Protein backbone atom coordinates (compact mmCIF):
# COMPACT_ATOMS: atom_id res chain seq x y z
CA UNK A 1 0.00 0.00 0.00
CA UNK A 2 1.46 3.32 -0.97
CA UNK A 3 1.26 6.37 1.27
CA UNK A 4 0.16 9.75 -0.06
CA UNK A 5 1.10 12.92 1.80
CA UNK A 6 -1.83 15.23 2.45
CA UNK A 7 0.20 18.34 1.71
CA UNK A 8 2.27 18.92 -1.45
CA UNK A 9 6.01 18.90 -0.73
CA UNK A 10 5.52 17.29 2.68
CA UNK A 11 8.71 16.22 4.40
CA UNK A 12 8.93 14.82 7.84
CA UNK A 13 11.44 13.47 10.29
CA UNK A 14 12.14 9.79 9.76
CA UNK A 15 11.55 8.35 13.22
CA UNK A 16 13.16 4.96 12.65
CA UNK A 17 16.43 5.98 11.01
CA UNK A 18 19.56 4.16 12.13
CA UNK A 19 20.90 7.16 14.07
CA UNK A 20 17.97 6.85 16.50
CA UNK A 21 18.98 3.37 17.74
CA UNK A 22 22.07 4.23 19.81
CA UNK A 23 24.61 2.54 17.53
CA UNK A 24 22.35 -0.35 16.59
CA UNK A 25 20.54 -1.14 13.38
CA UNK A 26 17.20 -2.86 12.98
CA UNK A 27 17.42 -6.38 11.62
CA UNK A 28 14.29 -8.34 10.71
CA UNK A 29 14.75 -12.10 11.15
CA UNK A 30 12.30 -14.86 10.21
CA UNK A 31 12.38 -18.64 10.45
CA UNK A 32 10.88 -20.29 7.38
CA UNK A 33 8.33 -23.09 7.87
CA UNK A 34 7.82 -22.21 11.53
CA UNK A 35 4.62 -20.20 11.65
CA UNK A 36 4.43 -20.45 15.42
CA UNK A 37 6.34 -17.21 14.81
CA UNK A 38 3.97 -15.66 12.30
CA UNK A 39 6.22 -12.79 11.26
CA UNK A 40 9.89 -11.88 11.37
CA UNK A 41 11.11 -10.40 14.63
CA UNK A 42 12.74 -6.99 14.54
CA UNK A 43 15.83 -6.59 16.70
CA UNK A 44 18.15 -3.64 17.31
CA UNK A 45 21.64 -5.10 16.91
CA UNK A 46 25.10 -3.56 16.61
CA UNK A 47 26.50 -3.66 13.08
CA UNK A 48 29.81 -4.84 14.58
CA UNK A 49 28.23 -7.99 16.06
CA UNK A 50 29.68 -11.14 14.47
CA UNK A 51 27.09 -13.11 12.52
CA UNK A 52 28.10 -16.16 14.58
CA UNK A 53 27.04 -14.33 17.76
CA UNK A 54 23.65 -13.68 16.22
CA UNK A 55 23.22 -17.42 15.79
CA UNK A 56 24.72 -18.51 19.12
CA UNK A 57 23.63 -15.69 21.44
CA UNK A 58 20.57 -13.96 19.97
CA UNK A 59 18.50 -16.55 18.11
CA UNK A 60 18.19 -18.95 21.08
CA UNK A 61 16.46 -16.19 23.05
CA UNK A 62 14.08 -15.52 20.17
CA UNK A 63 13.31 -18.98 18.83
CA UNK A 64 14.57 -21.31 21.58
CA UNK A 65 11.08 -22.02 22.89
CA UNK A 66 10.19 -23.89 19.69
CA UNK A 67 10.72 -27.66 19.98
CA UNK A 68 12.56 -27.74 16.63
CA UNK A 69 15.15 -25.17 17.69
CA UNK A 70 17.38 -27.59 19.60
CA UNK A 71 17.47 -29.83 16.49
CA UNK A 72 18.77 -27.14 14.12
CA UNK A 73 21.96 -28.08 12.29
CA UNK A 74 23.32 -24.60 11.60
CA UNK A 75 25.82 -25.97 9.09
CA UNK A 76 22.86 -26.89 6.87
CA UNK A 77 20.76 -23.76 7.44
CA UNK A 78 19.81 -21.89 4.28
CA UNK A 79 19.88 -18.11 4.60
CA UNK A 80 18.10 -15.45 2.56
CA UNK A 81 18.75 -11.72 2.51
CA UNK A 82 15.74 -9.84 1.15
CA UNK A 83 14.54 -13.05 -0.52
CA UNK A 84 17.84 -13.88 -2.23
CA UNK A 85 20.08 -16.78 -1.15
CA UNK A 86 22.84 -15.55 1.11
CA UNK A 87 25.83 -17.32 2.64
CA UNK A 88 26.83 -15.47 5.80
CA UNK A 89 30.36 -15.60 7.17
CA UNK A 90 30.02 -16.35 10.90
CA UNK A 91 33.34 -14.65 11.68
CA UNK A 92 32.42 -11.38 9.98
CA UNK A 93 30.18 -8.69 11.45
CA UNK A 94 26.60 -8.10 10.43
CA UNK A 95 27.81 -5.02 8.54
CA UNK A 96 30.59 -6.95 6.79
CA UNK A 97 27.97 -9.51 5.76
CA UNK A 98 26.13 -6.67 4.03
CA UNK A 99 23.30 -6.44 6.54
CA UNK A 100 22.30 -2.82 6.87
CA UNK A 101 19.60 -0.98 8.75
CA UNK A 102 16.23 -2.70 8.24
CA UNK A 103 17.68 -5.67 6.38
CA UNK A 104 15.34 -8.66 6.23
CA UNK A 105 16.91 -12.08 6.63
CA UNK A 106 15.20 -15.44 6.81
CA UNK A 107 16.57 -18.87 7.46
CA UNK A 108 15.32 -22.33 6.51
CA UNK A 109 16.30 -25.44 8.42
CA UNK A 110 16.09 -28.45 6.09
CA UNK A 111 14.30 -31.40 7.66
CA UNK A 112 12.57 -29.24 10.26
CA UNK A 113 9.11 -28.09 9.27
CA UNK A 114 7.43 -27.11 12.50
CA UNK A 115 5.61 -29.11 15.13
CA UNK A 116 4.83 -32.52 13.65
CA UNK A 117 5.56 -31.19 10.14
CA UNK A 118 2.67 -28.72 10.45
CA UNK A 119 4.84 -25.68 9.64
CA UNK A 120 3.82 -24.22 12.98
C-alpha atoms as a PDB file:
ATOM      1  CA  UNK A   1       0.000   0.000   0.000  1.00  0.00           C
ATOM      2  CA  UNK A   2       1.463   3.322  -0.966  1.00  0.00           C
ATOM      3  CA  UNK A   3       1.256   6.370   1.265  1.00  0.00           C
ATOM      4  CA  UNK A   4       0.161   9.751  -0.060  1.00  0.00           C
ATOM      5  CA  UNK A   5       1.103  12.919   1.805  1.00  0.00           C
ATOM      6  CA  UNK A   6      -1.835  15.228   2.454  1.00  0.00           C
ATOM      7  CA  UNK A   7       0.200  18.342   1.712  1.00  0.00           C
ATOM      8  CA  UNK A   8       2.267  18.921  -1.450  1.00  0.00           C
ATOM      9  CA  UNK A   9       6.013  18.899  -0.733  1.00  0.00           C
ATOM     10  CA  UNK A  10       5.516  17.288   2.680  1.00  0.00           C
ATOM     11  CA  UNK A  11       8.708  16.224   4.397  1.00  0.00           C
ATOM     12  CA  UNK A  12       8.929  14.823   7.844  1.00  0.00           C
ATOM     13  CA  UNK A  13      11.438  13.471  10.287  1.00  0.00           C
ATOM     14  CA  UNK A  14      12.140   9.793   9.759  1.00  0.00           C
ATOM     15  CA  UNK A  15      11.551   8.353  13.215  1.00  0.00           C
ATOM     16  CA  UNK A  16      13.157   4.959  12.647  1.00  0.00           C
ATOM     17  CA  UNK A  17      16.430   5.979  11.014  1.00  0.00           C
ATOM     18  CA  UNK A  18      19.557   4.163  12.133  1.00  0.00           C
ATOM     19  CA  UNK A  19      20.902   7.159  14.070  1.00  0.00           C
ATOM     20  CA  UNK A  20      17.969   6.846  16.504  1.00  0.00           C
ATOM     21  CA  UNK A  21      18.984   3.366  17.738  1.00  0.00           C
ATOM     22  CA  UNK A  22      22.074   4.225  19.807  1.00  0.00           C
ATOM     23  CA  UNK A  23      24.612   2.544  17.532  1.00  0.00           C
ATOM     24  CA  UNK A  24      22.347  -0.351  16.592  1.00  0.00           C
ATOM     25  CA  UNK A  25      20.541  -1.143  13.380  1.00  0.00           C
ATOM     26  CA  UNK A  26      17.203  -2.861  12.979  1.00  0.00           C
ATOM     27  CA  UNK A  27      17.418  -6.380  11.616  1.00  0.00           C
ATOM     28  CA  UNK A  28      14.288  -8.339  10.707  1.00  0.00           C
ATOM     29  CA  UNK A  29      14.749 -12.100  11.155  1.00  0.00           C
ATOM     30  CA  UNK A  30      12.298 -14.856  10.209  1.00  0.00           C
ATOM     31  CA  UNK A  31      12.377 -18.641  10.450  1.00  0.00           C
ATOM     32  CA  UNK A  32      10.883 -20.292   7.375  1.00  0.00           C
ATOM     33  CA  UNK A  33       8.327 -23.090   7.866  1.00  0.00           C
ATOM     34  CA  UNK A  34       7.820 -22.209  11.529  1.00  0.00           C
ATOM     35  CA  UNK A  35       4.622 -20.199  11.653  1.00  0.00           C
ATOM     36  CA  UNK A  36       4.433 -20.454  15.417  1.00  0.00           C
ATOM     37  CA  UNK A  37       6.340 -17.208  14.814  1.00  0.00           C
ATOM     38  CA  UNK A  38       3.973 -15.657  12.300  1.00  0.00           C
ATOM     39  CA  UNK A  39       6.220 -12.786  11.256  1.00  0.00           C
ATOM     40  CA  UNK A  40       9.889 -11.879  11.374  1.00  0.00           C
ATOM     41  CA  UNK A  41      11.108 -10.403  14.631  1.00  0.00           C
ATOM     42  CA  UNK A  42      12.744  -6.994  14.544  1.00  0.00           C
ATOM     43  CA  UNK A  43      15.829  -6.588  16.705  1.00  0.00           C
ATOM     44  CA  UNK A  44      18.145  -3.640  17.306  1.00  0.00           C
ATOM     45  CA  UNK A  45      21.638  -5.096  16.913  1.00  0.00           C
ATOM     46  CA  UNK A  46      25.100  -3.558  16.608  1.00  0.00           C
ATOM     47  CA  UNK A  47      26.502  -3.656  13.083  1.00  0.00           C
ATOM     48  CA  UNK A  48      29.811  -4.838  14.581  1.00  0.00           C
ATOM     49  CA  UNK A  49      28.227  -7.994  16.057  1.00  0.00           C
ATOM     50  CA  UNK A  50      29.682 -11.139  14.467  1.00  0.00           C
ATOM     51  CA  UNK A  51      27.094 -13.108  12.523  1.00  0.00           C
ATOM     52  CA  UNK A  52      28.105 -16.159  14.576  1.00  0.00           C
ATOM     53  CA  UNK A  53      27.040 -14.329  17.761  1.00  0.00           C
ATOM     54  CA  UNK A  54      23.649 -13.679  16.218  1.00  0.00           C
ATOM     55  CA  UNK A  55      23.218 -17.425  15.786  1.00  0.00           C
ATOM     56  CA  UNK A  56      24.722 -18.506  19.121  1.00  0.00           C
ATOM     57  CA  UNK A  57      23.627 -15.693  21.438  1.00  0.00           C
ATOM     58  CA  UNK A  58      20.574 -13.963  19.974  1.00  0.00           C
ATOM     59  CA  UNK A  59      18.505 -16.550  18.113  1.00  0.00           C
ATOM     60  CA  UNK A  60      18.189 -18.949  21.085  1.00  0.00           C
ATOM     61  CA  UNK A  61      16.462 -16.193  23.047  1.00  0.00           C
ATOM     62  CA  UNK A  62      14.085 -15.516  20.173  1.00  0.00           C
ATOM     63  CA  UNK A  63      13.310 -18.979  18.832  1.00  0.00           C
ATOM     64  CA  UNK A  64      14.571 -21.308  21.578  1.00  0.00           C
ATOM     65  CA  UNK A  65      11.077 -22.023  22.893  1.00  0.00           C
ATOM     66  CA  UNK A  66      10.188 -23.885  19.689  1.00  0.00           C
ATOM     67  CA  UNK A  67      10.716 -27.664  19.980  1.00  0.00           C
ATOM     68  CA  UNK A  68      12.556 -27.737  16.632  1.00  0.00           C
ATOM     69  CA  UNK A  69      15.150 -25.172  17.685  1.00  0.00           C
ATOM     70  CA  UNK A  70      17.375 -27.591  19.599  1.00  0.00           C
ATOM     71  CA  UNK A  71      17.467 -29.829  16.490  1.00  0.00           C
ATOM     72  CA  UNK A  72      18.768 -27.141  14.119  1.00  0.00           C
ATOM     73  CA  UNK A  73      21.960 -28.080  12.294  1.00  0.00           C
ATOM     74  CA  UNK A  74      23.318 -24.605  11.599  1.00  0.00           C
ATOM     75  CA  UNK A  75      25.822 -25.966   9.086  1.00  0.00           C
ATOM     76  CA  UNK A  76      22.857 -26.888   6.870  1.00  0.00           C
ATOM     77  CA  UNK A  77      20.763 -23.762   7.441  1.00  0.00           C
ATOM     78  CA  UNK A  78      19.806 -21.892   4.283  1.00  0.00           C
ATOM     79  CA  UNK A  79      19.885 -18.106   4.598  1.00  0.00           C
ATOM     80  CA  UNK A  80      18.102 -15.453   2.560  1.00  0.00           C
ATOM     81  CA  UNK A  81      18.754 -11.715   2.510  1.00  0.00           C
ATOM     82  CA  UNK A  82      15.735  -9.835   1.151  1.00  0.00           C
ATOM     83  CA  UNK A  83      14.540 -13.046  -0.515  1.00  0.00           C
ATOM     84  CA  UNK A  84      17.837 -13.880  -2.226  1.00  0.00           C
ATOM     85  CA  UNK A  85      20.085 -16.784  -1.155  1.00  0.00           C
ATOM     86  CA  UNK A  86      22.840 -15.547   1.108  1.00  0.00           C
ATOM     87  CA  UNK A  87      25.834 -17.315   2.643  1.00  0.00           C
ATOM     88  CA  UNK A  88      26.828 -15.474   5.805  1.00  0.00           C
ATOM     89  CA  UNK A  89      30.363 -15.605   7.172  1.00  0.00           C
ATOM     90  CA  UNK A  90      30.018 -16.348  10.895  1.00  0.00           C
ATOM     91  CA  UNK A  91      33.338 -14.650  11.683  1.00  0.00           C
ATOM     92  CA  UNK A  92      32.422 -11.377   9.981  1.00  0.00           C
ATOM     93  CA  UNK A  93      30.183  -8.688  11.446  1.00  0.00           C
ATOM     94  CA  UNK A  94      26.601  -8.098  10.426  1.00  0.00           C
ATOM     95  CA  UNK A  95      27.810  -5.017   8.541  1.00  0.00           C
ATOM     96  CA  UNK A  96      30.594  -6.950   6.794  1.00  0.00           C
ATOM     97  CA  UNK A  97      27.970  -9.509   5.757  1.00  0.00           C
ATOM     98  CA  UNK A  98      26.131  -6.674   4.025  1.00  0.00           C
ATOM     99  CA  UNK A  99      23.296  -6.440   6.541  1.00  0.00           C
ATOM    100  CA  UNK A 100      22.298  -2.823   6.874  1.00  0.00           C
ATOM    101  CA  UNK A 101      19.603  -0.980   8.753  1.00  0.00           C
ATOM    102  CA  UNK A 102      16.227  -2.696   8.241  1.00  0.00           C
ATOM    103  CA  UNK A 103      17.675  -5.666   6.379  1.00  0.00           C
ATOM    104  CA  UNK A 104      15.344  -8.656   6.233  1.00  0.00           C
ATOM    105  CA  UNK A 105      16.914 -12.077   6.634  1.00  0.00           C
ATOM    106  CA  UNK A 106      15.203 -15.435   6.810  1.00  0.00           C
ATOM    107  CA  UNK A 107      16.571 -18.868   7.456  1.00  0.00           C
ATOM    108  CA  UNK A 108      15.322 -22.328   6.508  1.00  0.00           C
ATOM    109  CA  UNK A 109      16.300 -25.440   8.416  1.00  0.00           C
ATOM    110  CA  UNK A 110      16.087 -28.448   6.088  1.00  0.00           C
ATOM    111  CA  UNK A 111      14.304 -31.397   7.661  1.00  0.00           C
ATOM    112  CA  UNK A 112      12.568 -29.238  10.262  1.00  0.00           C
ATOM    113  CA  UNK A 113       9.107 -28.093   9.266  1.00  0.00           C
ATOM    114  CA  UNK A 114       7.430 -27.109  12.496  1.00  0.00           C
ATOM    115  CA  UNK A 115       5.610 -29.110  15.132  1.00  0.00           C
ATOM    116  CA  UNK A 116       4.825 -32.517  13.650  1.00  0.00           C
ATOM    117  CA  UNK A 117       5.558 -31.189  10.145  1.00  0.00           C
ATOM    118  CA  UNK A 118       2.666 -28.721  10.447  1.00  0.00           C
ATOM    119  CA  UNK A 119       4.840 -25.684   9.641  1.00  0.00           C
ATOM    120  CA  UNK A 120       3.818 -24.224  12.980  1.00  0.00           C
END
